[in-house]
Amino acid sequence: MDASNHAELYSVTELAADLGITARALRFYEDKGLIEPRRIGNTRVYTHRDRGRLILILRGKRLGFSLREIREWLELYEPGPGQRQQMEALLAKADQRLAALEQQRQDIEATITELREIMGATKRWLADPNRKPQQTRKARQ
């Protein structure tokens, strides 16, 4: 790559470092058809469009979307006659995912509360000076 193209194109190493992922991850997303880098000779190079798509892929993964859902999401950025329907579908999926995450948060909060109660009861039991040591089964036999 010459210096004039360098500002517009990224090597595997450059893009991976820029996004904080591995070169293997880039190849994985390429194998899945989510990005399509150009080739200059035997070297894969990525455009700003590829970088933008990868940012969306990584955001989708962080939010818990499947690769299939991310692929559908990426298609929204390809102009076409059904774009309104695609946007409505995206909104519905995002709403479903948000509801699932909110339920998970409630479940996690309930579990944290239960664990704190168990820990508190255990600490009180251990700190009770009037507690008599209990015999183990072996000691009773």
C-alpha atoms as a PDB file:
ATOM      1  CA  MET A   1       0.000   0.000   0.000  1.00  0.00           C
ATOM      2  CA  ASP A   2       1.355   3.414  -0.839  1.00  0.00           C
ATOM      3  CA  ALA A   3       0.956   6.412   1.467  1.00  0.00           C
ATOM      4  CA  SER A   4      -1.950   7.928  -0.502  1.00  0.00           C
ATOM      5  CA  ASN A   5      -4.087   4.792  -0.115  1.00  0.00           C
ATOM      6  CA  HIS A   6      -3.016   4.196   3.470  1.00  0.00           C
ATOM      7  CA  ALA A   7      -5.439   6.803   4.863  1.00  0.00           C
ATOM      8  CA  GLU A   8      -8.391   5.122   3.127  1.00  0.00           C
ATOM      9  CA  LEU A   9      -7.526   1.461   3.677  1.00  0.00           C
ATOM     10  CA  TYR A  10      -6.655  -0.651   6.709  1.00  0.00           C
ATOM     11  CA  SER A  11      -4.558  -3.796   6.854  1.00  0.00           C
ATOM     12  CA  VAL A  12      -5.795  -6.729   8.950  1.00  0.00           C
ATOM     13  CA  THR A  13      -3.371  -5.761  11.715  1.00  0.00           C
ATOM     14  CA  GLU A  14      -4.288  -2.071  11.641  1.00  0.00           C
ATOM     15  CA  LEU A  15      -8.033  -2.635  11.735  1.00  0.00           C
ATOM     16  CA  ALA A  16      -7.806  -5.315  14.417  1.00  0.00           C
ATOM     17  CA  ALA A  17      -5.685  -3.018  16.606  1.00  0.00           C
ATOM     18  CA  ASP A  18      -7.970  -0.044  15.919  1.00  0.00           C
ATOM     19  CA  LEU A  19     -11.055  -1.965  17.067  1.00  0.00           C
ATOM     20  CA  GLY A  20      -9.390  -3.935  19.873  1.00  0.00           C
ATOM     21  CA  ILE A  21     -10.044  -7.339  18.316  1.00  0.00           C
ATOM     22  CA  THR A  22      -7.854 -10.080  16.876  1.00  0.00           C
ATOM     23  CA  ALA A  23      -7.022 -10.691  13.247  1.00  0.00           C
ATOM     24  CA  ARG A  24      -8.694 -14.062  13.736  1.00  0.00           C
ATOM     25  CA  ALA A  25     -11.946 -12.297  14.662  1.00  0.00           C
ATOM     26  CA  LEU A  26     -11.751 -10.276  11.442  1.00  0.00           C
ATOM     27  CA  ARG A  27     -11.320 -13.460   9.421  1.00  0.00           C
ATOM     28  CA  PHE A  28     -14.217 -15.066  11.320  1.00  0.00           C
ATOM     29  CA  TYR A  29     -16.576 -12.219  10.385  1.00  0.00           C
ATOM     30  CA  GLU A  30     -15.289 -12.390   6.831  1.00  0.00           C
ATOM     31  CA  ASP A  31     -15.934 -16.165   6.709  1.00  0.00           C
ATOM     32  CA  LYS A  32     -19.485 -15.486   7.945  1.00  0.00           C
ATOM     33  CA  GLY A  33     -19.994 -13.015   5.088  1.00  0.00           C
ATOM     34  CA  LEU A  34     -20.484 -10.020   7.379  1.00  0.00           C
ATOM     35  CA  ILE A  35     -17.569  -8.104   5.866  1.00  0.00           C
ATOM     36  CA  GLU A  36     -16.000  -8.340   2.434  1.00  0.00           C
ATOM     37  CA  PRO A  37     -12.497  -6.883   2.354  1.00  0.00           C
ATOM     38  CA  ARG A  38     -10.854  -5.976  -0.909  1.00  0.00           C
ATOM     39  CA  ARG A  39      -7.598  -7.560  -1.994  1.00  0.00           C
ATOM     40  CA  ILE A  40      -4.492  -5.876  -3.236  1.00  0.00           C
ATOM     41  CA  GLY A  41      -2.442  -8.768  -4.508  1.00  0.00           C
ATOM     42  CA  ASN A  42      -2.574 -11.355  -1.742  1.00  0.00           C
ATOM     43  CA  THR A  43      -3.215  -8.784   0.978  1.00  0.00           C
ATOM     44  CA  ARG A  44      -6.684  -8.170   2.424  1.00  0.00           C
ATOM     45  CA  VAL A  45      -7.472  -4.510   2.947  1.00  0.00           C
ATOM     46  CA  TYR A  46     -10.449  -2.996   4.693  1.00  0.00           C
ATOM     47  CA  THR A  47     -12.256   0.234   3.836  1.00  0.00           C
ATOM     48  CA  HIS A  48     -13.964   2.761   6.104  1.00  0.00           C
ATOM     49  CA  ARG A  49     -17.222   0.973   5.199  1.00  0.00           C
ATOM     50  CA  ASP A  50     -15.781  -2.330   6.473  1.00  0.00           C
ATOM     51  CA  ARG A  51     -14.669  -0.578   9.659  1.00  0.00           C
ATOM     52  CA  GLY A  52     -18.163   0.852  10.146  1.00  0.00           C
ATOM     53  CA  ARG A  53     -19.732  -2.561   9.597  1.00  0.00           C
ATOM     54  CA  LEU A  54     -17.346  -4.092  12.129  1.00  0.00           C
ATOM     55  CA  ILE A  55     -18.266  -1.450  14.688  1.00  0.00           C
ATOM     56  CA  LEU A  56     -21.932  -2.383  14.187  1.00  0.00           C
ATOM     57  CA  ILE A  57     -21.088  -6.118  14.405  1.00  0.00           C
ATOM     58  CA  LEU A  58     -19.201  -5.638  17.661  1.00  0.00           C
ATOM     59  CA  ARG A  59     -21.971  -3.467  19.087  1.00  0.00           C
ATOM     60  CA  GLY A  60     -24.548  -6.099  18.136  1.00  0.00           C
ATOM     61  CA  LYS A  61     -22.499  -8.861  19.787  1.00  0.00           C
ATOM     62  CA  ARG A  62     -22.080  -6.740  22.932  1.00  0.00           C
ATOM     63  CA  LEU A  63     -25.860  -6.272  23.040  1.00  0.00           C
ATOM     64  CA  GLY A  64     -26.420 -10.013  22.707  1.00  0.00           C
ATOM     65  CA  PHE A  65     -27.684 -10.234  19.134  1.00  0.00           C
ATOM     66  CA  SER A  66     -26.960 -13.388  17.144  1.00  0.00           C
ATOM     67  CA  LEU A  67     -24.874 -13.252  13.975  1.00  0.00           C
ATOM     68  CA  ARG A  68     -28.046 -13.865  11.949  1.00  0.00           C
ATOM     69  CA  GLU A  69     -29.699 -10.861  13.602  1.00  0.00           C
ATOM     70  CA  ILE A  70     -26.576  -8.772  13.055  1.00  0.00           C
ATOM     71  CA  ARG A  71     -26.572  -9.729   9.359  1.00  0.00           C
ATOM     72  CA  GLU A  72     -30.185  -8.526   9.095  1.00  0.00           C
ATOM     73  CA  TRP A  73     -29.227  -5.357  10.941  1.00  0.00           C
ATOM     74  CA  LEU A  74     -26.346  -4.708   8.538  1.00  0.00           C
ATOM     75  CA  GLU A  75     -28.697  -5.104   5.581  1.00  0.00           C
ATOM     76  CA  LEU A  76     -30.530  -2.038   6.859  1.00  0.00           C
ATOM     77  CA  TYR A  77     -27.540   0.000   5.804  1.00  0.00           C
ATOM     78  CA  GLU A  78     -27.890  -1.201   2.238  1.00  0.00           C
ATOM     79  CA  PRO A  79     -30.486   1.057   0.623  1.00  0.00           C
ATOM     80  CA  GLY A  80     -33.408  -0.757  -0.869  1.00  0.00           C
ATOM     81  CA  PRO A  81     -37.162  -0.598  -1.456  1.00  0.00           C
ATOM     82  CA  GLY A  82     -38.045  -2.464   1.760  1.00  0.00           C
ATOM     83  CA  GLN A  83     -36.003  -0.287   4.074  1.00  0.00           C
ATOM     84  CA  ARG A  84     -39.003   0.936   6.122  1.00  0.00           C
ATOM     85  CA  GLN A  85     -40.063  -2.646   6.804  1.00  0.00           C
ATOM     86  CA  GLN A  86     -36.481  -3.508   7.731  1.00  0.00           C
ATOM     87  CA  MET A  87     -36.319  -0.583  10.144  1.00  0.00           C
ATOM     88  CA  GLU A  88     -39.604  -1.656  11.728  1.00  0.00           C
ATOM     89  CA  ALA A  89     -38.247  -5.197  12.074  1.00  0.00           C
ATOM     90  CA  LEU A  90     -35.073  -3.850  13.691  1.00  0.00           C
ATOM     91  CA  LEU A  91     -37.134  -1.804  16.127  1.00  0.00           C
ATOM     92  CA  ALA A  92     -39.193  -4.869  17.069  1.00  0.00           C
ATOM     93  CA  LYS A  93     -36.060  -6.981  17.615  1.00  0.00           C
ATOM     94  CA  ALA A  94     -34.388  -4.257  19.661  1.00  0.00           C
ATOM     95  CA  ASP A  95     -37.541  -3.969  21.768  1.00  0.00           C
ATOM     96  CA  GLN A  96     -37.561  -7.752  22.356  1.00  0.00           C
ATOM     97  CA  ARG A  97     -33.879  -7.754  23.272  1.00  0.00           C
ATOM     98  CA  LEU A  98     -34.379  -4.822  25.653  1.00  0.00           C
ATOM     99  CA  ALA A  99     -37.256  -6.629  27.369  1.00  0.00           C
ATOM    100  CA  ALA A 100     -35.106  -9.766  27.751  1.00  0.00           C
ATOM    101  CA  LEU A 101     -32.211  -7.746  29.178  1.00  0.00           C
ATOM    102  CA  GLU A 102     -34.507  -5.942  31.618  1.00  0.00           C
ATOM    103  CA  GLN A 103     -35.852  -9.321  32.789  1.00  0.00           C
ATOM    104  CA  GLN A 104     -32.296 -10.596  33.218  1.00  0.00           C
ATOM    105  CA  ARG A 105     -31.446  -7.503  35.249  1.00  0.00           C
ATOM    106  CA  GLN A 106     -34.444  -8.126  37.519  1.00  0.00           C
ATOM    107  CA  ASP A 107     -33.408 -11.767  37.916  1.00  0.00           C
ATOM    108  CA  ILE A 108     -29.838 -10.758  38.733  1.00  0.00           C
ATOM    109  CA  GLU A 109     -31.019  -8.175  41.280  1.00  0.00           C
ATOM    110  CA  ALA A 110     -33.223 -10.796  42.960  1.00  0.00           C
ATOM    111  CA  THR A 111     -30.330 -13.258  43.083  1.00  0.00           C
ATOM    112  CA  ILE A 112     -28.001 -10.610  44.535  1.00  0.00           C
ATOM    113  CA  THR A 113     -30.573  -9.793  47.213  1.00  0.00           C
ATOM    114  CA  GLU A 114     -30.949 -13.491  48.103  1.00  0.00           C
ATOM    115  CA  LEU A 115     -27.175 -13.968  48.285  1.00  0.00           C
ATOM    116  CA  ARG A 116     -26.799 -10.936  50.552  1.00  0.00           C
ATOM    117  CA  GLU A 117     -29.503 -12.309  52.845  1.00  0.00           C
ATOM    118  CA  ILE A 118     -27.784 -15.708  52.979  1.00  0.00           C
ATOM    119  CA  MET A 119     -24.421 -14.084  53.655  1.00  0.00           C
ATOM    120  CA  GLY A 120     -25.898 -11.902  56.406  1.00  0.00           C
ATOM    121  CA  ALA A 121     -27.563 -14.853  58.103  1.00  0.00           C
ATOM    122  CA  THR A 122     -24.357 -16.883  57.830  1.00  0.00           C
ATOM    123  CA  LYS A 123     -22.247 -14.072  59.319  1.00  0.00           C
ATOM    124  CA  ARG A 124     -24.725 -13.640  62.195  1.00  0.00           C
ATOM    125  CA  TRP A 125     -24.674 -17.377  62.865  1.00  0.00           C
ATOM    126  CA  LEU A 126     -20.867 -17.463  62.844  1.00  0.00           C
ATOM    127  CA  ALA A 127     -20.618 -14.395  65.085  1.00  0.00           C
ATOM    128  CA  ASP A 128     -23.111 -15.696  67.707  1.00  0.00           C
ATOM    129  CA  PRO A 129     -21.081 -16.348  70.880  1.00  0.00           C
ATOM    130  CA  ASN A 130     -23.915 -18.446  72.360  1.00  0.00           C
ATOM    131  CA  ARG A 131     -23.913 -20.860  69.446  1.00  0.00           C
ATOM    132  CA  LYS A 132     -23.040 -24.357  70.537  1.00  0.00           C
ATOM    133  CA  PRO A 133     -20.769 -26.313  68.248  1.00  0.00           C
ATOM    134  CA  GLN A 134     -22.677 -29.105  66.577  1.00  0.00           C
ATOM    135  CA  GLN A 135     -21.321 -32.546  66.337  1.00  0.00           C
ATOM    136  CA  THR A 136     -20.610 -33.979  62.941  1.00  0.00           C
ATOM    137  CA  ARG A 137     -22.103 -37.311  61.886  1.00  0.00           C
ATOM    138  CA  LYS A 138     -18.825 -39.107  62.487  1.00  0.00           C
ATOM    139  CA  ALA A 139     -18.606 -37.750  66.035  1.00  0.00           C
ATOM    140  CA  ARG A 140     -22.158 -38.965  66.777  1.00  0.00           C
ATOM    141  CA  GLN A 141     -21.524 -42.490  65.573  1.00  0.00           C
END
